[in-house]
N, C-alpha and C. Protein backbone atom coordinates (compact mmCIF):
# COMPACT_ATOMS: atom_id res chain seq x y z
N MET A 1 -20.83 -25.91 -25.62
CA MET A 1 -19.58 -26.38 -26.16
C MET A 1 -19.21 -27.69 -25.49
N PRO A 2 -18.81 -28.69 -26.25
CA PRO A 2 -18.43 -29.95 -25.63
C PRO A 2 -17.14 -29.81 -24.84
N ALA A 3 -16.92 -30.76 -23.95
CA ALA A 3 -15.71 -30.74 -23.12
C ALA A 3 -14.47 -30.85 -24.00
N ALA A 4 -13.40 -30.24 -23.54
CA ALA A 4 -12.14 -30.30 -24.28
C ALA A 4 -11.54 -31.70 -24.15
N ARG A 5 -11.06 -32.22 -25.26
CA ARG A 5 -10.42 -33.54 -25.25
C ARG A 5 -8.92 -33.43 -25.00
N SER A 6 -8.39 -32.21 -25.12
CA SER A 6 -6.97 -31.96 -24.91
C SER A 6 -6.81 -30.54 -24.40
N PHE A 7 -5.76 -30.31 -23.64
CA PHE A 7 -5.52 -28.95 -23.15
C PHE A 7 -5.32 -27.97 -24.30
N THR A 8 -4.90 -28.47 -25.47
CA THR A 8 -4.67 -27.57 -26.60
C THR A 8 -5.97 -26.99 -27.15
N GLU A 9 -7.11 -27.54 -26.75
CA GLU A 9 -8.40 -27.02 -27.18
C GLU A 9 -8.90 -25.90 -26.27
N LEU A 10 -8.23 -25.68 -25.14
CA LEU A 10 -8.65 -24.65 -24.20
C LEU A 10 -8.22 -23.27 -24.71
N GLN A 11 -9.18 -22.37 -24.85
CA GLN A 11 -8.89 -21.05 -25.42
C GLN A 11 -7.87 -20.28 -24.58
N PHE A 12 -7.98 -20.35 -23.24
CA PHE A 12 -7.02 -19.60 -22.42
C PHE A 12 -5.61 -20.16 -22.58
N TRP A 13 -5.46 -21.47 -22.83
CA TRP A 13 -4.13 -22.04 -23.07
C TRP A 13 -3.59 -21.56 -24.43
N GLN A 14 -4.46 -21.56 -25.45
CA GLN A 14 -4.04 -21.11 -26.78
C GLN A 14 -3.54 -19.67 -26.74
N ARG A 15 -4.27 -18.84 -26.01
CA ARG A 15 -3.88 -17.42 -25.93
C ARG A 15 -2.62 -17.25 -25.08
N ALA A 16 -2.47 -18.06 -24.03
CA ALA A 16 -1.25 -18.00 -23.22
C ALA A 16 -0.05 -18.43 -24.05
N ARG A 17 -0.24 -19.41 -24.90
CA ARG A 17 0.85 -19.87 -25.77
C ARG A 17 1.28 -18.74 -26.71
N GLN A 18 0.32 -18.08 -27.34
CA GLN A 18 0.65 -16.99 -28.26
C GLN A 18 1.30 -15.83 -27.51
N TRP A 19 0.80 -15.54 -26.31
CA TRP A 19 1.35 -14.46 -25.47
C TRP A 19 2.81 -14.77 -25.14
N SER A 20 3.09 -16.00 -24.76
CA SER A 20 4.45 -16.41 -24.44
C SER A 20 5.35 -16.26 -25.66
N LYS A 21 4.85 -16.64 -26.83
CA LYS A 21 5.63 -16.52 -28.06
C LYS A 21 5.90 -15.05 -28.39
N ASP A 22 4.88 -14.19 -28.23
CA ASP A 22 5.05 -12.76 -28.49
C ASP A 22 6.11 -12.16 -27.57
N ILE A 23 6.08 -12.56 -26.31
CA ILE A 23 7.07 -12.07 -25.36
C ILE A 23 8.47 -12.56 -25.75
N TRP A 24 8.57 -13.84 -26.11
CA TRP A 24 9.87 -14.39 -26.51
C TRP A 24 10.45 -13.62 -27.70
N LEU A 25 9.60 -13.33 -28.69
CA LEU A 25 10.08 -12.60 -29.87
C LEU A 25 10.62 -11.23 -29.48
N LEU A 26 9.95 -10.56 -28.55
CA LEU A 26 10.43 -9.24 -28.12
C LEU A 26 11.74 -9.34 -27.35
N THR A 27 11.93 -10.43 -26.62
CA THR A 27 13.18 -10.58 -25.85
C THR A 27 14.37 -10.87 -26.76
N GLN A 28 14.12 -11.14 -28.03
CA GLN A 28 15.21 -11.40 -28.97
C GLN A 28 15.79 -10.11 -29.56
N GLN A 29 15.14 -8.97 -29.27
CA GLN A 29 15.67 -7.69 -29.74
C GLN A 29 17.01 -7.43 -29.03
N PRO A 30 17.99 -6.90 -29.74
CA PRO A 30 19.35 -6.79 -29.20
C PRO A 30 19.46 -6.11 -27.83
N LEU A 31 18.80 -4.98 -27.63
CA LEU A 31 18.90 -4.29 -26.34
C LEU A 31 18.32 -5.14 -25.22
N PHE A 32 17.14 -5.71 -25.45
CA PHE A 32 16.47 -6.55 -24.45
C PHE A 32 17.29 -7.81 -24.19
N ALA A 33 17.80 -8.42 -25.24
CA ALA A 33 18.51 -9.70 -25.13
C ALA A 33 19.76 -9.61 -24.25
N ARG A 34 20.33 -8.40 -24.12
CA ARG A 34 21.53 -8.25 -23.28
C ARG A 34 21.23 -8.42 -21.79
N ASP A 35 19.97 -8.20 -21.40
CA ASP A 35 19.57 -8.37 -20.00
C ASP A 35 19.16 -9.83 -19.80
N GLU A 36 20.15 -10.69 -19.74
CA GLU A 36 19.91 -12.14 -19.73
C GLU A 36 19.02 -12.59 -18.57
N ARG A 37 19.22 -12.00 -17.41
CA ARG A 37 18.43 -12.41 -16.24
C ARG A 37 16.95 -12.12 -16.45
N LEU A 38 16.62 -10.90 -16.89
CA LEU A 38 15.22 -10.55 -17.12
C LEU A 38 14.64 -11.38 -18.27
N VAL A 39 15.41 -11.59 -19.31
CA VAL A 39 14.95 -12.41 -20.45
C VAL A 39 14.58 -13.80 -19.96
N ARG A 40 15.45 -14.39 -19.15
CA ARG A 40 15.19 -15.74 -18.64
C ARG A 40 13.96 -15.75 -17.74
N GLN A 41 13.84 -14.76 -16.86
CA GLN A 41 12.71 -14.71 -15.94
C GLN A 41 11.38 -14.51 -16.66
N ILE A 42 11.35 -13.56 -17.59
CA ILE A 42 10.07 -13.27 -18.26
C ILE A 42 9.65 -14.42 -19.16
N ASN A 43 10.62 -15.06 -19.83
CA ASN A 43 10.28 -16.20 -20.67
C ASN A 43 9.87 -17.41 -19.82
N ASP A 44 10.55 -17.63 -18.71
CA ASP A 44 10.18 -18.75 -17.83
C ASP A 44 8.78 -18.56 -17.25
N SER A 45 8.47 -17.35 -16.78
CA SER A 45 7.16 -17.14 -16.16
C SER A 45 6.03 -17.19 -17.19
N SER A 46 6.25 -16.67 -18.40
CA SER A 46 5.17 -16.73 -19.40
C SER A 46 4.96 -18.17 -19.86
N GLU A 47 6.05 -18.93 -19.97
CA GLU A 47 5.91 -20.34 -20.34
C GLU A 47 5.28 -21.13 -19.19
N SER A 48 5.59 -20.75 -17.96
CA SER A 48 5.02 -21.43 -16.79
C SER A 48 3.50 -21.28 -16.74
N ALA A 49 3.00 -20.13 -17.18
CA ALA A 49 1.55 -19.93 -17.19
C ALA A 49 0.87 -20.98 -18.06
N MET A 50 1.33 -21.13 -19.29
CA MET A 50 0.69 -22.11 -20.19
C MET A 50 0.98 -23.54 -19.74
N SER A 51 2.16 -23.78 -19.17
CA SER A 51 2.51 -25.13 -18.72
C SER A 51 1.65 -25.57 -17.54
N ASN A 52 1.38 -24.65 -16.61
CA ASN A 52 0.52 -25.00 -15.48
C ASN A 52 -0.91 -25.28 -15.92
N MET A 53 -1.37 -24.58 -16.93
CA MET A 53 -2.70 -24.86 -17.48
C MET A 53 -2.74 -26.28 -18.03
N ALA A 54 -1.71 -26.64 -18.78
CA ALA A 54 -1.64 -27.98 -19.37
C ALA A 54 -1.49 -29.06 -18.30
N GLU A 55 -0.61 -28.81 -17.33
CA GLU A 55 -0.39 -29.81 -16.29
C GLU A 55 -1.65 -30.04 -15.46
N GLY A 56 -2.34 -28.96 -15.13
CA GLY A 56 -3.58 -29.10 -14.38
C GLY A 56 -4.62 -29.91 -15.13
N TYR A 57 -4.71 -29.67 -16.44
CA TYR A 57 -5.65 -30.43 -17.27
C TYR A 57 -5.32 -31.92 -17.19
N GLY A 58 -4.04 -32.24 -17.22
CA GLY A 58 -3.61 -33.63 -17.24
C GLY A 58 -3.67 -34.33 -15.91
N ARG A 59 -3.91 -33.61 -14.82
CA ARG A 59 -3.93 -34.22 -13.50
C ARG A 59 -5.12 -35.14 -13.27
N GLY A 60 -6.21 -34.90 -13.95
CA GLY A 60 -7.32 -35.85 -13.89
C GLY A 60 -8.43 -35.53 -12.91
N THR A 61 -8.20 -34.63 -11.95
CA THR A 61 -9.30 -34.27 -11.05
C THR A 61 -9.58 -32.78 -11.17
N GLN A 62 -10.82 -32.44 -10.94
CA GLN A 62 -11.22 -31.04 -11.02
C GLN A 62 -10.48 -30.20 -9.98
N GLU A 63 -10.33 -30.75 -8.79
CA GLU A 63 -9.66 -30.00 -7.72
C GLU A 63 -8.22 -29.67 -8.09
N GLU A 64 -7.49 -30.65 -8.63
CA GLU A 64 -6.10 -30.39 -9.03
C GLU A 64 -6.04 -29.44 -10.23
N PHE A 65 -6.99 -29.57 -11.15
CA PHE A 65 -7.03 -28.67 -12.30
C PHE A 65 -7.17 -27.23 -11.81
N ILE A 66 -8.08 -27.00 -10.91
CA ILE A 66 -8.30 -25.65 -10.37
C ILE A 66 -7.05 -25.16 -9.65
N THR A 67 -6.41 -26.04 -8.89
CA THR A 67 -5.18 -25.65 -8.20
C THR A 67 -4.12 -25.19 -9.20
N PHE A 68 -3.92 -25.95 -10.27
CA PHE A 68 -2.91 -25.59 -11.25
C PHE A 68 -3.30 -24.36 -12.06
N LEU A 69 -4.59 -24.14 -12.25
CA LEU A 69 -5.01 -22.89 -12.90
C LEU A 69 -4.69 -21.70 -12.01
N GLY A 70 -4.77 -21.91 -10.69
CA GLY A 70 -4.35 -20.87 -9.75
C GLY A 70 -2.86 -20.58 -9.89
N TYR A 71 -2.04 -21.62 -10.03
CA TYR A 71 -0.62 -21.42 -10.26
C TYR A 71 -0.39 -20.65 -11.57
N ALA A 72 -1.18 -20.98 -12.59
CA ALA A 72 -1.05 -20.30 -13.88
C ALA A 72 -1.35 -18.81 -13.73
N ILE A 73 -2.36 -18.48 -12.95
CA ILE A 73 -2.70 -17.07 -12.72
C ILE A 73 -1.54 -16.38 -12.01
N GLY A 74 -0.91 -17.07 -11.06
CA GLY A 74 0.27 -16.50 -10.41
C GLY A 74 1.39 -16.24 -11.41
N SER A 75 1.59 -17.15 -12.34
CA SER A 75 2.62 -16.97 -13.37
C SER A 75 2.26 -15.82 -14.32
N LEU A 76 0.97 -15.65 -14.60
CA LEU A 76 0.55 -14.51 -15.41
C LEU A 76 0.91 -13.21 -14.71
N ASP A 77 0.63 -13.15 -13.41
CA ASP A 77 0.95 -11.94 -12.64
C ASP A 77 2.46 -11.71 -12.58
N GLU A 78 3.22 -12.78 -12.40
CA GLU A 78 4.68 -12.66 -12.38
C GLU A 78 5.19 -12.12 -13.72
N THR A 79 4.63 -12.62 -14.81
CA THR A 79 5.05 -12.14 -16.13
C THR A 79 4.72 -10.67 -16.29
N GLN A 80 3.55 -10.26 -15.80
CA GLN A 80 3.19 -8.85 -15.91
C GLN A 80 4.15 -7.98 -15.09
N SER A 81 4.61 -8.48 -13.97
CA SER A 81 5.60 -7.75 -13.19
C SER A 81 6.90 -7.60 -13.98
N HIS A 82 7.32 -8.67 -14.66
CA HIS A 82 8.52 -8.61 -15.50
C HIS A 82 8.31 -7.65 -16.68
N LEU A 83 7.09 -7.61 -17.21
CA LEU A 83 6.79 -6.65 -18.28
C LEU A 83 6.98 -5.22 -17.79
N CYS A 84 6.59 -4.95 -16.55
CA CYS A 84 6.79 -3.62 -15.96
C CYS A 84 8.28 -3.29 -15.92
N ALA A 85 9.09 -4.26 -15.48
CA ALA A 85 10.54 -4.05 -15.42
C ALA A 85 11.09 -3.79 -16.82
N ALA A 86 10.63 -4.55 -17.81
CA ALA A 86 11.10 -4.36 -19.18
C ALA A 86 10.72 -2.98 -19.70
N TYR A 87 9.52 -2.54 -19.38
CA TYR A 87 9.08 -1.20 -19.80
C TYR A 87 9.91 -0.13 -19.10
N ASP A 88 10.11 -0.29 -17.80
CA ASP A 88 10.89 0.68 -17.03
C ASP A 88 12.33 0.80 -17.54
N ARG A 89 12.87 -0.29 -18.08
CA ARG A 89 14.25 -0.29 -18.62
C ARG A 89 14.28 0.07 -20.11
N SER A 90 13.14 0.49 -20.63
CA SER A 90 13.00 0.94 -22.02
C SER A 90 13.25 -0.17 -23.05
N TYR A 91 12.99 -1.42 -22.67
CA TYR A 91 13.08 -2.51 -23.63
C TYR A 91 11.80 -2.63 -24.44
N LEU A 92 10.71 -2.10 -23.89
CA LEU A 92 9.41 -2.11 -24.57
C LEU A 92 8.92 -0.68 -24.70
N ASP A 93 8.31 -0.36 -25.83
CA ASP A 93 7.69 0.97 -25.92
C ASP A 93 6.29 0.87 -25.29
N LYS A 94 5.66 2.00 -25.17
CA LYS A 94 4.37 2.06 -24.48
C LYS A 94 3.31 1.18 -25.14
N ASP A 95 3.27 1.16 -26.47
CA ASP A 95 2.27 0.36 -27.18
C ASP A 95 2.51 -1.14 -26.99
N GLN A 96 3.78 -1.56 -27.08
CA GLN A 96 4.09 -2.98 -26.87
C GLN A 96 3.70 -3.40 -25.45
N PHE A 97 4.08 -2.56 -24.49
CA PHE A 97 3.77 -2.87 -23.09
C PHE A 97 2.26 -2.96 -22.88
N ALA A 98 1.51 -1.98 -23.39
CA ALA A 98 0.05 -1.96 -23.20
C ALA A 98 -0.61 -3.17 -23.85
N ARG A 99 -0.13 -3.56 -25.03
CA ARG A 99 -0.71 -4.72 -25.73
C ARG A 99 -0.47 -6.00 -24.94
N LEU A 100 0.76 -6.20 -24.48
CA LEU A 100 1.08 -7.41 -23.71
C LEU A 100 0.37 -7.41 -22.36
N TRP A 101 0.30 -6.26 -21.72
CA TRP A 101 -0.38 -6.15 -20.44
C TRP A 101 -1.86 -6.51 -20.60
N SER A 102 -2.49 -5.93 -21.61
CA SER A 102 -3.92 -6.19 -21.85
C SER A 102 -4.18 -7.65 -22.19
N GLU A 103 -3.30 -8.26 -22.94
CA GLU A 103 -3.49 -9.68 -23.28
C GLU A 103 -3.35 -10.54 -22.03
N GLY A 104 -2.43 -10.18 -21.14
CA GLY A 104 -2.31 -10.91 -19.87
C GLY A 104 -3.59 -10.82 -19.05
N ILE A 105 -4.19 -9.64 -19.02
CA ILE A 105 -5.47 -9.45 -18.30
C ILE A 105 -6.56 -10.29 -18.96
N ALA A 106 -6.59 -10.31 -20.28
CA ALA A 106 -7.62 -11.09 -21.00
C ALA A 106 -7.47 -12.58 -20.70
N ILE A 107 -6.24 -13.08 -20.69
CA ILE A 107 -6.01 -14.49 -20.39
C ILE A 107 -6.44 -14.79 -18.96
N ARG A 108 -6.13 -13.89 -18.04
CA ARG A 108 -6.53 -14.06 -16.64
C ARG A 108 -8.05 -14.15 -16.53
N LYS A 109 -8.75 -13.24 -17.21
CA LYS A 109 -10.22 -13.23 -17.15
C LYS A 109 -10.81 -14.52 -17.70
N LEU A 110 -10.26 -15.01 -18.83
CA LEU A 110 -10.74 -16.27 -19.39
C LEU A 110 -10.52 -17.42 -18.41
N THR A 111 -9.36 -17.43 -17.78
CA THR A 111 -9.02 -18.51 -16.84
C THR A 111 -9.93 -18.47 -15.63
N VAL A 112 -10.13 -17.28 -15.07
CA VAL A 112 -11.00 -17.14 -13.90
C VAL A 112 -12.44 -17.51 -14.25
N ALA A 113 -12.90 -17.10 -15.42
CA ALA A 113 -14.27 -17.45 -15.85
C ALA A 113 -14.41 -18.96 -15.98
N PHE A 114 -13.37 -19.61 -16.50
CA PHE A 114 -13.40 -21.06 -16.63
C PHE A 114 -13.46 -21.73 -15.26
N ILE A 115 -12.66 -21.24 -14.32
CA ILE A 115 -12.68 -21.79 -12.95
C ILE A 115 -14.07 -21.61 -12.35
N ARG A 116 -14.61 -20.43 -12.48
CA ARG A 116 -15.94 -20.16 -11.90
C ARG A 116 -17.00 -21.06 -12.53
N SER A 117 -16.89 -21.32 -13.83
CA SER A 117 -17.89 -22.18 -14.48
C SER A 117 -17.80 -23.61 -13.94
N MET A 118 -16.62 -24.01 -13.48
CA MET A 118 -16.48 -25.37 -12.95
C MET A 118 -17.01 -25.48 -11.52
N ILE A 119 -16.95 -24.39 -10.76
CA ILE A 119 -17.34 -24.50 -9.35
C ILE A 119 -18.73 -23.96 -9.05
N LEU A 120 -19.35 -23.27 -9.99
CA LEU A 120 -20.71 -22.79 -9.76
C LEU A 120 -21.70 -23.93 -9.94
N PRO A 121 -22.89 -23.81 -9.35
CA PRO A 121 -23.89 -24.88 -9.50
C PRO A 121 -24.10 -25.26 -10.96
N ARG A 122 -24.23 -26.55 -11.18
CA ARG A 122 -24.41 -27.15 -12.50
C ARG A 122 -23.20 -26.94 -13.40
N GLY A 123 -22.07 -26.51 -12.83
CA GLY A 123 -20.88 -26.29 -13.63
C GLY A 123 -19.79 -27.30 -13.32
N GLY A 124 -19.96 -28.07 -12.28
CA GLY A 124 -18.93 -29.01 -11.89
C GLY A 124 -19.33 -29.71 -10.62
N GLU A 125 -18.38 -30.28 -9.95
CA GLU A 125 -18.67 -31.06 -8.76
C GLU A 125 -18.86 -30.21 -7.51
N ARG A 126 -18.23 -29.05 -7.49
CA ARG A 126 -18.25 -28.22 -6.30
C ARG A 126 -19.13 -27.00 -6.51
N THR A 127 -19.57 -26.38 -5.43
CA THR A 127 -20.34 -25.15 -5.54
C THR A 127 -19.64 -24.05 -4.77
N LEU A 128 -19.91 -22.83 -5.18
CA LEU A 128 -19.30 -21.66 -4.58
C LEU A 128 -20.30 -21.01 -3.64
N GLY A 129 -19.86 -20.57 -2.50
CA GLY A 129 -20.72 -19.83 -1.59
C GLY A 129 -21.32 -20.71 -0.53
N LYS A 130 -22.18 -20.07 0.26
CA LYS A 130 -22.82 -20.75 1.38
C LYS A 130 -24.05 -21.53 0.91
N PRO A 131 -24.34 -22.64 1.58
CA PRO A 131 -25.60 -23.32 1.27
C PRO A 131 -26.78 -22.47 1.75
N LYS A 132 -27.94 -22.68 1.13
CA LYS A 132 -29.12 -21.93 1.55
C LYS A 132 -29.53 -22.34 2.95
N SER A 133 -30.01 -21.36 3.69
CA SER A 133 -30.46 -21.65 5.06
C SER A 133 -31.74 -22.49 5.01
N TRP A 134 -31.99 -23.21 6.09
CA TRP A 134 -33.19 -24.03 6.18
C TRP A 134 -34.42 -23.15 6.01
N SER A 135 -34.42 -21.99 6.65
CA SER A 135 -35.56 -21.07 6.57
C SER A 135 -35.80 -20.63 5.13
N ASN A 136 -34.74 -20.30 4.43
CA ASN A 136 -34.88 -19.86 3.05
C ASN A 136 -35.40 -20.99 2.16
N GLN A 137 -34.95 -22.22 2.41
CA GLN A 137 -35.44 -23.36 1.64
C GLN A 137 -36.94 -23.55 1.86
N VAL A 138 -37.39 -23.40 3.10
CA VAL A 138 -38.81 -23.56 3.41
C VAL A 138 -39.63 -22.49 2.69
N TRP A 139 -39.16 -21.23 2.70
CA TRP A 139 -39.91 -20.18 2.04
C TRP A 139 -39.93 -20.39 0.52
N GLU A 140 -38.88 -20.92 -0.05
CA GLU A 140 -38.89 -21.21 -1.49
C GLU A 140 -39.90 -22.30 -1.83
N ILE A 141 -40.00 -23.29 -0.98
CA ILE A 141 -41.02 -24.34 -1.18
C ILE A 141 -42.41 -23.73 -1.06
N TYR A 142 -42.62 -22.90 -0.07
CA TYR A 142 -43.90 -22.20 0.13
C TYR A 142 -44.28 -21.44 -1.15
N GLU A 143 -43.32 -20.68 -1.70
CA GLU A 143 -43.60 -19.89 -2.90
C GLU A 143 -43.95 -20.78 -4.09
N ARG A 144 -43.24 -21.90 -4.23
CA ARG A 144 -43.51 -22.82 -5.33
C ARG A 144 -44.89 -23.47 -5.20
N VAL A 145 -45.21 -23.91 -3.99
CA VAL A 145 -46.47 -24.65 -3.76
C VAL A 145 -47.67 -23.72 -3.84
N THR A 146 -47.59 -22.55 -3.20
CA THR A 146 -48.75 -21.65 -3.14
C THR A 146 -48.84 -20.70 -4.32
N GLY A 147 -47.69 -20.46 -4.97
CA GLY A 147 -47.68 -19.48 -6.04
C GLY A 147 -47.70 -18.06 -5.51
N GLN A 148 -47.58 -17.91 -4.21
CA GLN A 148 -47.60 -16.60 -3.56
C GLN A 148 -46.19 -16.23 -3.10
N PRO A 149 -45.85 -14.96 -3.15
CA PRO A 149 -44.54 -14.56 -2.63
C PRO A 149 -44.54 -14.59 -1.10
N ARG A 150 -43.38 -14.77 -0.56
CA ARG A 150 -43.26 -14.74 0.91
C ARG A 150 -43.52 -13.32 1.40
N PRO A 151 -43.99 -13.16 2.64
CA PRO A 151 -44.20 -11.81 3.20
C PRO A 151 -42.88 -11.03 3.18
N SER A 152 -42.98 -9.73 2.99
CA SER A 152 -41.79 -8.89 2.82
C SER A 152 -40.81 -8.98 3.99
N GLN A 153 -41.32 -9.19 5.21
CA GLN A 153 -40.40 -9.26 6.35
C GLN A 153 -39.53 -10.53 6.32
N PHE A 154 -39.88 -11.49 5.45
CA PHE A 154 -39.10 -12.72 5.34
C PHE A 154 -38.24 -12.78 4.06
N GLU A 155 -38.16 -11.66 3.33
CA GLU A 155 -37.32 -11.61 2.14
C GLU A 155 -35.85 -11.71 2.55
N PRO A 156 -35.08 -12.49 1.81
CA PRO A 156 -33.64 -12.58 2.13
C PRO A 156 -32.96 -11.25 1.79
N PRO A 157 -31.86 -10.92 2.49
CA PRO A 157 -31.15 -9.68 2.16
C PRO A 157 -30.51 -9.79 0.78
N PRO A 158 -30.33 -8.65 0.12
CA PRO A 158 -29.69 -8.70 -1.21
C PRO A 158 -28.26 -9.23 -1.09
N PRO A 159 -27.80 -9.97 -2.10
CA PRO A 159 -26.44 -10.51 -2.04
C PRO A 159 -25.40 -9.39 -2.12
N GLU A 160 -24.30 -9.58 -1.42
CA GLU A 160 -23.20 -8.62 -1.47
C GLU A 160 -22.29 -8.99 -2.63
N ASP A 161 -21.62 -8.00 -3.19
CA ASP A 161 -20.67 -8.27 -4.26
C ASP A 161 -19.33 -8.61 -3.61
N PRO A 162 -18.97 -9.92 -3.57
CA PRO A 162 -17.76 -10.31 -2.85
C PRO A 162 -16.47 -10.05 -3.61
N ILE A 163 -16.54 -9.73 -4.90
CA ILE A 163 -15.33 -9.59 -5.70
C ILE A 163 -15.10 -8.11 -6.00
N PRO A 164 -14.01 -7.53 -5.48
CA PRO A 164 -13.74 -6.12 -5.76
C PRO A 164 -13.33 -5.93 -7.22
N ALA A 165 -13.54 -4.74 -7.71
CA ALA A 165 -13.18 -4.43 -9.09
C ALA A 165 -11.66 -4.45 -9.24
N ARG A 166 -11.20 -4.95 -10.40
CA ARG A 166 -9.76 -4.96 -10.71
C ARG A 166 -9.44 -3.75 -11.58
N HIS A 167 -8.24 -3.28 -11.42
CA HIS A 167 -7.77 -2.21 -12.29
C HIS A 167 -7.04 -2.87 -13.45
N ASP A 168 -7.68 -2.83 -14.62
CA ASP A 168 -7.17 -3.56 -15.77
C ASP A 168 -6.29 -2.75 -16.70
N GLN A 169 -6.00 -1.53 -16.32
CA GLN A 169 -5.17 -0.69 -17.17
C GLN A 169 -3.70 -0.93 -16.84
N PRO A 170 -2.83 -0.87 -17.85
CA PRO A 170 -1.41 -1.06 -17.56
C PRO A 170 -0.89 0.08 -16.68
N PRO A 171 0.01 -0.23 -15.75
CA PRO A 171 0.53 0.80 -14.85
C PRO A 171 1.63 1.63 -15.52
N VAL A 172 1.19 2.52 -16.41
CA VAL A 172 2.16 3.34 -17.15
C VAL A 172 2.23 4.70 -16.52
């Protein structure tokens, strides 16, 4: 896929925009609308998520873009916290809450995947993780040149999974 020419072409921004609109529409229901403080907070945080995505895109550097995408993820989490409050106060039924919660998780996953694609090798200017050790580089050259695998006692240890599993179910 070619690079986006505008933040409006970013799928995670498009979905955040629709999510924010869906939340706004629900806050217009009479019972929900009476809780002005929560209405203002949930609408501000959902709009902040999409706004931070757009602002980061416009900053011009990959580092600043990633920083603002991090802010957007924080706003997604804040909105999900407000969704919990709305559900607890019976402004949302279980299905509405679950749908909005799941969409927030989906937007988060898209955003994180986009960040990872920018920082992984051949994905952007920066790389994630530790550089290869000198010893490991030498053994890789040995394997390429000789066509033989390195002796088993020199095999690198298996990589650890540094990212713990997330609980993606709504807290109902």
